Amino acid sequence: MATMFRDGLLKGKRILVTGGGNFSRLSKLSDEEWNDMREMIRSANDKDKAQRSV
């Protein structure tokens, strides 16, 4: 979005920005939860790589 502002593409336009989330809740995850997430990510990455190599 910064590029759009710099290039003048959004000059004078109204923009609705939603979400506004942050990652503070991640600091409350246990080591086991982090390990579970890592494994889910690795599994998804392996699946994607396998599909690309066909």
PDB file of N, CA and C in Angstrom:
ATOM      1  N   MET A   1       0.821  -1.180   0.000  1.00  0.00           N
ATOM      2  CA  MET A   1       0.000   0.000   0.000  1.00  0.00           C
ATOM      3  C   MET A   1       0.872   1.253   0.000  1.00  0.00           C
ATOM      4  N   ALA A   2       2.035   1.181   0.633  1.00  0.00           N
ATOM      5  CA  ALA A   2       2.923   2.340   0.656  1.00  0.00           C
ATOM      6  C   ALA A   2       3.303   2.759  -0.753  1.00  0.00           C
ATOM      7  N   THR A   3       3.470   1.789  -1.637  1.00  0.00           N
ATOM      8  CA  THR A   3       3.803   2.100  -3.026  1.00  0.00           C
ATOM      9  C   THR A   3       2.682   2.882  -3.682  1.00  0.00           C
ATOM     10  N   MET A   4       1.448   2.512  -3.384  1.00  0.00           N
ATOM     11  CA  MET A   4       0.311   3.225  -3.971  1.00  0.00           C
ATOM     12  C   MET A   4       0.287   4.676  -3.527  1.00  0.00           C
ATOM     13  N   PHE A   5       0.606   4.921  -2.258  1.00  0.00           N
ATOM     14  CA  PHE A   5       0.652   6.300  -1.790  1.00  0.00           C
ATOM     15  C   PHE A   5       1.803   7.048  -2.448  1.00  0.00           C
ATOM     16  N   ARG A   6       2.958   6.413  -2.501  1.00  0.00           N
ATOM     17  CA  ARG A   6       4.131   7.068  -3.068  1.00  0.00           C
ATOM     18  C   ARG A   6       3.901   7.408  -4.537  1.00  0.00           C
ATOM     19  N   ASP A   7       3.268   6.495  -5.279  1.00  0.00           N
ATOM     20  CA  ASP A   7       3.050   6.711  -6.701  1.00  0.00           C
ATOM     21  C   ASP A   7       1.830   7.578  -6.987  1.00  0.00           C
ATOM     22  N   GLY A   8       1.134   7.994  -5.928  1.00  0.00           N
ATOM     23  CA  GLY A   8      -0.013   8.875  -6.104  1.00  0.00           C
ATOM     24  C   GLY A   8      -1.286   8.176  -6.551  1.00  0.00           C
ATOM     25  N   LEU A   9      -1.310   6.856  -6.515  1.00  0.00           N
ATOM     26  CA  LEU A   9      -2.493   6.130  -6.977  1.00  0.00           C
ATOM     27  C   LEU A   9      -3.679   6.295  -6.038  1.00  0.00           C
ATOM     28  N   LEU A  10      -3.428   6.586  -4.766  1.00  0.00           N
ATOM     29  CA  LEU A  10      -4.511   6.701  -3.800  1.00  0.00           C
ATOM     30  C   LEU A  10      -4.728   8.140  -3.345  1.00  0.00           C
ATOM     31  N   LYS A  11      -4.195   9.055  -4.044  1.00  0.00           N
ATOM     32  CA  LYS A  11      -4.311  10.467  -3.677  1.00  0.00           C
ATOM     33  C   LYS A  11      -5.778  10.884  -3.660  1.00  0.00           C
ATOM     34  N   GLY A  12      -6.224  11.383  -2.521  1.00  0.00           N
ATOM     35  CA  GLY A  12      -7.591  11.861  -2.408  1.00  0.00           C
ATOM     36  C   GLY A  12      -8.629  10.771  -2.295  1.00  0.00           C
ATOM     37  N   LYS A  13      -8.209   9.538  -2.093  1.00  0.00           N
ATOM     38  CA  LYS A  13      -9.150   8.421  -1.990  1.00  0.00           C
ATOM     39  C   LYS A  13      -9.386   8.068  -0.532  1.00  0.00           C
ATOM     40  N   ARG A  14     -10.542   7.500  -0.255  1.00  0.00           N
ATOM     41  CA  ARG A  14     -10.840   6.991   1.074  1.00  0.00           C
ATOM     42  C   ARG A  14     -10.514   5.509   1.106  1.00  0.00           C
ATOM     43  N   ILE A  15      -9.859   5.088   2.161  1.00  0.00           N
ATOM     44  CA  ILE A  15      -9.458   3.696   2.288  1.00  0.00           C
ATOM     45  C   ILE A  15      -9.962   3.160   3.618  1.00  0.00           C
ATOM     46  N   LEU A  16     -10.633   2.032   3.575  1.00  0.00           N
ATOM     47  CA  LEU A  16     -11.085   1.365   4.788  1.00  0.00           C
ATOM     48  C   LEU A  16     -10.070   0.285   5.128  1.00  0.00           C
ATOM     49  N   VAL A  17      -9.461   0.421   6.279  1.00  0.00           N
ATOM     50  CA  VAL A  17      -8.494  -0.571   6.734  1.00  0.00           C
ATOM     51  C   VAL A  17      -9.140  -1.339   7.875  1.00  0.00           C
ATOM     52  N   THR A  18      -9.245  -2.640   7.688  1.00  0.00           N
ATOM     53  CA  THR A  18      -9.872  -3.467   8.715  1.00  0.00           C
ATOM     54  C   THR A  18      -8.855  -4.419   9.314  1.00  0.00           C
ATOM     55  N   GLY A  19      -9.250  -5.086  10.325  1.00  0.00           N
ATOM     56  CA  GLY A  19      -8.371  -6.061  10.954  1.00  0.00           C
ATOM     57  C   GLY A  19      -7.744  -5.475  12.196  1.00  0.00           C
ATOM     58  N   GLY A  20      -6.734  -4.683  11.995  1.00  0.00           N
ATOM     59  CA  GLY A  20      -6.068  -4.036  13.119  1.00  0.00           C
ATOM     60  C   GLY A  20      -5.527  -5.006  14.145  1.00  0.00           C
ATOM     61  N   GLY A  21      -5.395  -6.266  13.748  1.00  0.00           N
ATOM     62  CA  GLY A  21      -4.932  -7.280  14.690  1.00  0.00           C
ATOM     63  C   GLY A  21      -3.448  -7.162  14.968  1.00  0.00           C
ATOM     64  N   ASN A  22      -3.058  -7.781  16.035  1.00  0.00           N
ATOM     65  CA  ASN A  22      -1.635  -7.877  16.333  1.00  0.00           C
ATOM     66  C   ASN A  22      -1.338  -9.301  16.738  1.00  0.00           C
ATOM     67  N   PHE A  23      -0.121  -9.556  17.056  1.00  0.00           N
ATOM     68  CA  PHE A  23       0.306 -10.909  17.339  1.00  0.00           C
ATOM     69  C   PHE A  23       0.574 -11.145  18.816  1.00  0.00           C
ATOM     70  N   SER A  24       0.063 -10.298  19.684  1.00  0.00           N
ATOM     71  CA  SER A  24       0.357 -10.413  21.108  1.00  0.00           C
ATOM     72  C   SER A  24      -0.147 -11.725  21.700  1.00  0.00           C
ATOM     73  N   ARG A  25      -1.220 -12.258  21.146  1.00  0.00           N
ATOM     74  CA  ARG A  25      -1.743 -13.517  21.696  1.00  0.00           C
ATOM     75  C   ARG A  25      -0.792 -14.683  21.444  1.00  0.00           C
ATOM     76  N   LEU A  26       0.088 -14.552  20.459  1.00  0.00           N
ATOM     77  CA  LEU A  26       1.048 -15.622  20.203  1.00  0.00           C
ATOM     78  C   LEU A  26       2.024 -15.795  21.354  1.00  0.00           C
ATOM     79  N   SER A  27       2.238 -14.742  22.121  1.00  0.00           N
ATOM     80  CA  SER A  27       3.169 -14.843  23.249  1.00  0.00           C
ATOM     81  C   SER A  27       2.621 -15.732  24.361  1.00  0.00           C
ATOM     82  N   LYS A  28       1.340 -16.041  24.301  1.00  0.00           N
ATOM     83  CA  LYS A  28       0.716 -16.868  25.329  1.00  0.00           C
ATOM     84  C   LYS A  28       0.703 -18.353  24.972  1.00  0.00           C
ATOM     85  N   LEU A  29       1.192 -18.700  23.776  1.00  0.00           N
ATOM     86  CA  LEU A  29       1.184 -20.095  23.353  1.00  0.00           C
ATOM     87  C   LEU A  29       2.234 -20.898  24.111  1.00  0.00           C
ATOM     88  N   SER A  30       1.889 -22.137  24.392  1.00  0.00           N
ATOM     89  CA  SER A  30       2.826 -23.038  25.064  1.00  0.00           C
ATOM     90  C   SER A  30       3.829 -23.589  24.048  1.00  0.00           C
ATOM     91  N   ASP A  31       4.886 -24.204  24.543  1.00  0.00           N
ATOM     92  CA  ASP A  31       5.863 -24.834  23.655  1.00  0.00           C
ATOM     93  C   ASP A  31       5.208 -25.916  22.805  1.00  0.00           C
ATOM     94  N   GLU A  32       4.302 -26.646  23.398  1.00  0.00           N
ATOM     95  CA  GLU A  32       3.606 -27.708  22.659  1.00  0.00           C
ATOM     96  C   GLU A  32       2.777 -27.122  21.521  1.00  0.00           C
ATOM     97  N   GLU A  33       2.095 -26.000  21.773  1.00  0.00           N
ATOM     98  CA  GLU A  33       1.299 -25.353  20.725  1.00  0.00           C
ATOM     99  C   GLU A  33       2.191 -24.845  19.593  1.00  0.00           C
ATOM    100  N   TRP A  34       3.356 -24.277  19.946  1.00  0.00           N
ATOM    101  CA  TRP A  34       4.302 -23.827  18.928  1.00  0.00           C
ATOM    102  C   TRP A  34       4.791 -25.003  18.099  1.00  0.00           C
ATOM    103  N   ASN A  35       5.110 -26.110  18.753  1.00  0.00           N
ATOM    104  CA  ASN A  35       5.564 -27.296  18.029  1.00  0.00           C
ATOM    105  C   ASN A  35       4.477 -27.827  17.106  1.00  0.00           C
ATOM    106  N   ASP A  36       3.226 -27.817  17.568  1.00  0.00           N
ATOM    107  CA  ASP A  36       2.109 -28.256  16.727  1.00  0.00           C
ATOM    108  C   ASP A  36       1.976 -27.373  15.487  1.00  0.00           C
ATOM    109  N   MET A  37       2.114 -26.065  15.675  1.00  0.00           N
ATOM    110  CA  MET A  37       2.017 -25.146  14.533  1.00  0.00           C
ATOM    111  C   MET A  37       3.164 -25.371  13.550  1.00  0.00           C
ATOM    112  N   ARG A  38       4.376 -25.559  14.079  1.00  0.00           N
ATOM    113  CA  ARG A  38       5.516 -25.826  13.199  1.00  0.00           C
ATOM    114  C   ARG A  38       5.275 -27.074  12.368  1.00  0.00           C
ATOM    115  N   GLU A  39       4.745 -28.112  12.994  1.00  0.00           N
ATOM    116  CA  GLU A  39       4.485 -29.350  12.283  1.00  0.00           C
ATOM    117  C   GLU A  39       3.407 -29.162  11.218  1.00  0.00           C
ATOM    118  N   MET A  40       2.360 -28.394  11.517  1.00  0.00           N
ATOM    119  CA  MET A  40       1.323 -28.112  10.515  1.00  0.00           C
ATOM    120  C   MET A  40       1.922 -27.369   9.324  1.00  0.00           C
ATOM    121  N   ILE A  41       2.790 -26.405   9.600  1.00  0.00           N
ATOM    122  CA  ILE A  41       3.423 -25.623   8.526  1.00  0.00           C
ATOM    123  C   ILE A  41       4.331 -26.510   7.691  1.00  0.00           C
ATOM    124  N   ARG A  42       5.145 -27.334   8.355  1.00  0.00           N
ATOM    125  CA  ARG A  42       6.031 -28.248   7.621  1.00  0.00           C
ATOM    126  C   ARG A  42       5.232 -29.200   6.742  1.00  0.00           C
ATOM    127  N   SER A  43       4.149 -29.714   7.282  1.00  0.00           N
ATOM    128  CA  SER A  43       3.306 -30.640   6.525  1.00  0.00           C
ATOM    129  C   SER A  43       2.720 -29.963   5.289  1.00  0.00           C
ATOM    130  N   ALA A  44       2.213 -28.747   5.469  1.00  0.00           N
ATOM    131  CA  ALA A  44       1.647 -27.998   4.339  1.00  0.00           C
ATOM    132  C   ALA A  44       2.727 -27.686   3.309  1.00  0.00           C
ATOM    133  N   ASN A  45       3.923 -27.303   3.766  1.00  0.00           N
ATOM    134  CA  ASN A  45       5.025 -27.008   2.846  1.00  0.00           C
ATOM    135  C   ASN A  45       5.429 -28.243   2.060  1.00  0.00           C
ATOM    136  N   ASP A  46       5.535 -29.382   2.754  1.00  0.00           N
ATOM    137  CA  ASP A  46       5.894 -30.637   2.083  1.00  0.00           C
ATOM    138  C   ASP A  46       4.860 -31.012   1.033  1.00  0.00           C
ATOM    139  N   LYS A  47       3.593 -30.829   1.362  1.00  0.00           N
ATOM    140  CA  LYS A  47       2.515 -31.137   0.422  1.00  0.00           C
ATOM    141  C   LYS A  47       2.604 -30.231  -0.811  1.00  0.00           C
ATOM    142  N   ASP A  48       2.832 -28.933  -0.582  1.00  0.00           N
ATOM    143  CA  ASP A  48       2.963 -27.988  -1.691  1.00  0.00           C
ATOM    144  C   ASP A  48       4.158 -28.332  -2.583  1.00  0.00           C
ATOM    145  N   LYS A  49       5.285 -28.668  -1.960  1.00  0.00           N
ATOM    146  CA  LYS A  49       6.481 -29.024  -2.731  1.00  0.00           C
ATOM    147  C   LYS A  49       6.234 -30.267  -3.574  1.00  0.00           C
ATOM    148  N   ALA A  50       5.555 -31.253  -2.999  1.00  0.00           N
ATOM    149  CA  ALA A  50       5.262 -32.477  -3.730  1.00  0.00           C
ATOM    150  C   ALA A  50       4.375 -32.196  -4.942  1.00  0.00           C
ATOM    151  N   GLN A  51       3.424 -31.303  -4.802  1.00  0.00           N
ATOM    152  CA  GLN A  51       2.532 -30.968  -5.915  1.00  0.00           C
ATOM    153  C   GLN A  51       3.268 -30.213  -7.010  1.00  0.00           C
ATOM    154  N   ARG A  52       4.252 -29.399  -6.630  1.00  0.00           N
ATOM    155  CA  ARG A  52       5.015 -28.637  -7.622  1.00  0.00           C
ATOM    156  C   ARG A  52       5.987 -29.520  -8.399  1.00  0.00           C
ATOM    157  N   SER A  53       6.424 -30.614  -7.794  1.00  0.00           N
ATOM    158  CA  SER A  53       7.432 -31.442  -8.447  1.00  0.00           C
ATOM    159  C   SER A  53       6.832 -32.510  -9.359  1.00  0.00           C
ATOM    160  N   VAL A  54       5.516 -32.502  -9.515  1.00  0.00           N
ATOM    161  CA  VAL A  54       4.846 -33.490 -10.378  1.00  0.00           C
ATOM    162  C   VAL A  54       4.898 -33.041 -11.810  1.00  0.00           C
TER     163      VAL A  54
END
